[in-house]
């Protein structure tokens, strides 16, 4: 990522995941928020701050951990507005923020301002059709249609693996393509959750996509 967040990255990803759990939002809301924040907002933040549009905004200067937590909640709020009807209200996000953001108190007006800044950083491009979660759902459905063993692949394991990759900042490092990332997560989950004696075809025939991810997944579990 462009902006230096290495010290707090894992905490920020856990913050989004735990906040999504608090609101009991659907997986698509959680993973859209993660994609908006981790894959798009954070990588674009340095460019925006250095541009004239970012000058003087108190949410960006200085960039405190509490401000990043506010933007993290904002990503979840935007995602809820994209996918939920009705969406989770800003009052609910403010209430959660009052409980979990320790360094600073944010008002409802601050959330609206953070939303504007968030959208500006993304250049108002908030489409949610190109996220790994959607491709993962599609690939798993196709897999189940062509092989009975597909029913044994745990979708919960797929989501746990995706959470882990976001927490360890492996999504952008391993793959630039959301579809490749989704395919890799599916294959890794296949290897992890399906008993070897039930494998219906050699995993090697799937190509080289899964192996960097499987290796990384193994190292994350070990270390």
Protein backbone atom coordinates (compact mmCIF):
# COMPACT_ATOMS: atom_id res chain seq x y z
CA UNK A 1 0.00 0.00 0.00
CA UNK A 2 1.13 3.53 -0.65
CA UNK A 3 0.55 5.08 2.73
CA UNK A 4 2.58 3.70 5.64
CA UNK A 5 0.11 1.59 7.61
CA UNK A 6 2.17 -1.51 8.23
CA UNK A 7 2.12 -1.15 12.01
CA UNK A 8 -1.68 -0.92 12.21
CA UNK A 9 -2.81 -2.84 9.11
CA UNK A 10 -3.79 -6.06 10.87
CA UNK A 11 -5.64 -4.10 13.56
CA UNK A 12 -7.54 -2.12 10.92
CA UNK A 13 -8.60 -5.24 9.04
CA UNK A 14 -9.66 -6.90 12.29
CA UNK A 15 -11.51 -3.70 13.15
CA UNK A 16 -13.61 -3.90 9.95
CA UNK A 17 -14.23 -7.64 10.36
CA UNK A 18 -15.27 -7.27 14.01
CA UNK A 19 -17.46 -4.25 13.21
CA UNK A 20 -19.18 -6.23 10.46
CA UNK A 21 -19.79 -8.99 12.99
CA UNK A 22 -21.23 -6.48 15.47
CA UNK A 23 -23.81 -5.37 12.90
CA UNK A 24 -24.38 -8.94 11.66
CA UNK A 25 -24.16 -7.75 8.06
CA UNK A 26 -24.08 -10.18 5.16
CA UNK A 27 -20.74 -11.43 3.82
CA UNK A 28 -21.09 -9.32 0.66
CA UNK A 29 -21.32 -6.17 2.79
CA UNK A 30 -18.23 -7.13 4.79
CA UNK A 31 -16.10 -8.06 1.79
CA UNK A 32 -17.17 -5.06 -0.25
CA UNK A 33 -16.10 -2.87 2.68
CA UNK A 34 -12.76 -4.68 2.92
CA UNK A 35 -12.22 -4.28 -0.81
CA UNK A 36 -13.16 -0.59 -0.79
CA UNK A 37 -10.91 0.16 2.16
CA UNK A 38 -7.93 -2.17 1.67
CA UNK A 39 -7.75 -2.55 -2.10
CA UNK A 40 -8.77 0.94 -3.18
CA UNK A 41 -8.90 3.60 -0.45
CA UNK A 42 -5.58 2.93 1.27
CA UNK A 43 -3.53 2.52 -1.95
CA UNK A 44 -4.95 5.84 -3.26
CA UNK A 45 -4.58 7.79 -0.02
CA UNK A 46 -1.03 9.06 -0.48
CA UNK A 47 -1.78 10.37 -3.97
CA UNK A 48 -4.89 12.14 -2.69
CA UNK A 49 -3.14 13.65 0.35
CA UNK A 50 -0.34 14.97 -1.83
CA UNK A 51 -2.82 16.54 -4.22
CA UNK A 52 -4.48 19.88 -3.69
CA UNK A 53 -7.82 18.26 -2.74
CA UNK A 54 -6.30 16.70 0.35
CA UNK A 55 -4.62 19.81 1.69
CA UNK A 56 -5.81 21.04 5.05
CA UNK A 57 -8.50 18.43 5.69
CA UNK A 58 -8.45 17.66 9.42
CA UNK A 59 -9.31 14.01 8.80
CA UNK A 60 -6.10 13.60 6.78
CA UNK A 61 -3.66 15.96 8.53
CA UNK A 62 -2.43 14.40 10.68
CA UNK A 63 -3.47 10.85 9.77
CA UNK A 64 -4.22 9.37 13.20
CA UNK A 65 -5.22 5.78 13.92
CA UNK A 66 -8.61 7.03 15.07
CA UNK A 67 -9.16 8.74 11.71
CA UNK A 68 -8.33 5.51 9.89
CA UNK A 69 -10.82 3.69 12.11
CA UNK A 70 -13.42 6.29 11.14
CA UNK A 71 -12.69 5.67 7.46
CA UNK A 72 -12.87 1.92 8.09
CA UNK A 73 -16.35 2.30 9.55
CA UNK A 74 -17.22 4.59 6.65
CA UNK A 75 -16.28 1.87 4.17
CA UNK A 76 -18.68 -0.48 5.96
CA UNK A 77 -21.40 2.19 5.93
CA UNK A 78 -20.98 2.79 2.19
CA UNK A 79 -21.02 -0.95 1.54
CA UNK A 80 -24.23 -1.30 3.55
CA UNK A 81 -25.81 1.48 1.49
CA UNK A 82 -24.81 -0.37 -1.68
CA UNK A 83 -26.17 -3.77 -0.68
CA UNK A 84 -28.70 -3.38 2.14
CA UNK A 85 -32.25 -2.09 2.04
CA UNK A 86 -32.54 -0.38 4.38
CA UNK A 87 -28.83 0.16 5.13
CA UNK A 88 -27.35 0.30 8.61
CA UNK A 89 -27.95 3.85 9.83
CA UNK A 90 -25.20 6.37 10.46
CA UNK A 91 -26.45 6.61 14.06
CA UNK A 92 -25.59 2.93 14.55
CA UNK A 93 -22.10 3.52 13.19
CA UNK A 94 -21.64 6.54 15.43
CA UNK A 95 -22.79 4.50 18.43
CA UNK A 96 -20.29 1.76 17.63
CA UNK A 97 -17.58 4.34 17.03
CA UNK A 98 -18.22 5.84 20.47
CA UNK A 99 -17.56 2.40 21.98
CA UNK A 100 -14.59 1.18 19.99
CA UNK A 101 -12.65 4.29 18.90
CA UNK A 102 -10.78 5.28 22.03
CA UNK A 103 -8.52 8.08 20.83
CA UNK A 104 -11.17 10.49 19.57
CA UNK A 105 -14.93 11.12 19.64
CA UNK A 106 -16.61 11.51 16.25
CA UNK A 107 -19.97 13.13 15.63
CA UNK A 108 -22.58 12.15 13.05
CA UNK A 109 -21.44 15.14 11.01
CA UNK A 110 -17.88 13.75 11.07
CA UNK A 111 -19.17 10.51 9.53
CA UNK A 112 -20.80 12.45 6.70
CA UNK A 113 -17.58 14.39 6.12
CA UNK A 114 -15.55 11.16 6.19
CA UNK A 115 -17.89 9.69 3.60
CA UNK A 116 -17.26 12.65 1.27
CA UNK A 117 -13.48 12.37 1.70
CA UNK A 118 -13.64 8.60 1.21
CA UNK A 119 -15.57 9.02 -2.04
CA UNK A 120 -13.18 11.72 -3.24
CA UNK A 121 -10.16 9.49 -2.60
CA UNK A 122 -11.86 6.79 -4.68
CA UNK A 123 -12.71 9.41 -7.32
CA UNK A 124 -16.36 8.43 -6.67
CA UNK A 125 -15.78 4.99 -8.20
CA UNK A 126 -17.51 2.69 -5.72
CA UNK A 127 -18.63 -0.13 -8.00
CA UNK A 128 -18.80 -3.46 -6.18
CA UNK A 129 -19.01 -5.90 -9.09
CA UNK A 130 -15.29 -6.66 -9.25
CA UNK A 131 -14.52 -7.95 -5.76
CA UNK A 132 -13.00 -11.37 -4.97
CA UNK A 133 -15.99 -12.48 -2.89
CA UNK A 134 -18.38 -12.35 -5.86
CA UNK A 135 -15.97 -14.28 -8.05
CA UNK A 136 -15.51 -16.83 -5.25
CA UNK A 137 -19.27 -17.40 -5.02
CA UNK A 138 -19.47 -17.82 -8.79
CA UNK A 139 -16.53 -20.22 -9.00
CA UNK A 140 -17.77 -22.39 -6.13
CA UNK A 141 -21.21 -22.64 -7.75
CA UNK A 142 -19.61 -23.68 -11.04
CA UNK A 143 -17.42 -26.20 -9.23
CA UNK A 144 -20.45 -27.79 -7.56
CA UNK A 145 -22.14 -28.09 -10.95
CA UNK A 146 -19.28 -30.08 -12.50
CA UNK A 147 -18.08 -32.17 -9.53
CA UNK A 148 -19.91 -33.70 -6.57
CA UNK A 149 -16.84 -33.12 -4.43
CA UNK A 150 -17.60 -29.44 -4.72
CA UNK A 151 -20.27 -29.95 -2.06
CA UNK A 152 -17.48 -30.81 0.38
CA UNK A 153 -15.68 -27.51 -0.04
CA UNK A 154 -16.41 -25.37 3.00
CA UNK A 155 -17.50 -21.86 2.08
CA UNK A 156 -16.85 -20.87 5.69
CA UNK A 157 -13.24 -21.95 5.19
CA UNK A 158 -13.09 -19.84 2.03
CA UNK A 159 -14.23 -16.79 3.96
CA UNK A 160 -11.89 -17.51 6.87
CA UNK A 161 -9.01 -17.69 4.42
CA UNK A 162 -10.04 -14.43 2.76
CA UNK A 163 -10.22 -12.76 6.19
CA UNK A 164 -6.75 -14.04 7.00
CA UNK A 165 -5.31 -12.76 3.75
CA UNK A 166 -6.76 -9.30 4.31
CA UNK A 167 -5.42 -9.23 7.86
CA UNK A 168 -1.92 -10.18 6.70
CA UNK A 169 -2.04 -7.83 3.69
CA UNK A 170 -1.58 -10.73 1.31
CA UNK A 171 -4.43 -9.91 -1.09
CA UNK A 172 -2.55 -7.19 -2.97
CA UNK A 173 0.84 -8.90 -2.67
CA UNK A 174 -0.22 -12.26 -4.10
CA UNK A 175 -2.60 -11.32 -6.90
CA UNK A 176 -3.66 -8.22 -8.77
CA UNK A 177 -6.69 -9.94 -10.30
CA UNK A 178 -9.75 -10.47 -8.03
CA UNK A 179 -10.76 -13.50 -10.10
CA UNK A 180 -7.33 -15.12 -9.70
CA UNK A 181 -7.41 -14.42 -5.98
CA UNK A 182 -10.87 -16.01 -5.73
CA UNK A 183 -9.73 -19.07 -7.70
CA UNK A 184 -6.70 -19.42 -5.46
CA UNK A 185 -8.79 -19.21 -2.30
CA UNK A 186 -11.16 -21.86 -3.67
CA UNK A 187 -8.33 -24.25 -4.48
CA UNK A 188 -6.65 -23.66 -1.11
CA UNK A 189 -9.96 -24.35 0.66
CA UNK A 190 -10.38 -27.49 -1.47
CA UNK A 191 -6.97 -28.74 -0.35
CA UNK A 192 -7.64 -27.87 3.29
CA UNK A 193 -11.23 -29.06 3.76
CA UNK A 194 -11.75 -31.96 1.33
CA UNK A 195 -10.26 -35.31 2.46
CA UNK A 196 -7.49 -36.35 0.09
CA UNK A 197 -9.17 -39.69 -0.62
CA UNK A 198 -12.20 -37.79 -1.97
CA UNK A 199 -10.26 -35.74 -4.52
CA UNK A 200 -11.86 -36.43 -7.89
CA UNK A 201 -9.09 -35.09 -10.08
CA UNK A 202 -5.46 -34.00 -9.66
CA UNK A 203 -5.12 -30.50 -8.26
CA UNK A 204 -2.04 -30.14 -10.46
CA UNK A 205 -4.31 -29.94 -13.48
CA UNK A 206 -5.70 -26.67 -12.14
CA UNK A 207 -2.43 -25.01 -13.05
CA UNK A 208 -0.02 -22.99 -10.95
CA UNK A 209 -2.51 -20.53 -9.45
CA UNK A 210 -3.07 -22.17 -6.06
CA UNK A 211 0.42 -22.98 -4.97
CA UNK A 212 1.73 -19.53 -3.96
CA UNK A 213 -1.44 -19.03 -1.96
CA UNK A 214 -1.34 -22.48 -0.38
CA UNK A 215 2.27 -21.90 0.61
CA UNK A 216 1.42 -18.48 2.00
CA UNK A 217 -1.62 -19.86 3.84
CA UNK A 218 0.52 -22.57 5.39
CA UNK A 219 3.13 -20.05 6.52
CA UNK A 220 0.44 -17.80 8.02
CA UNK A 221 -0.98 -20.70 10.02
CA UNK A 222 2.43 -21.81 11.21
CA UNK A 223 3.80 -18.39 12.11
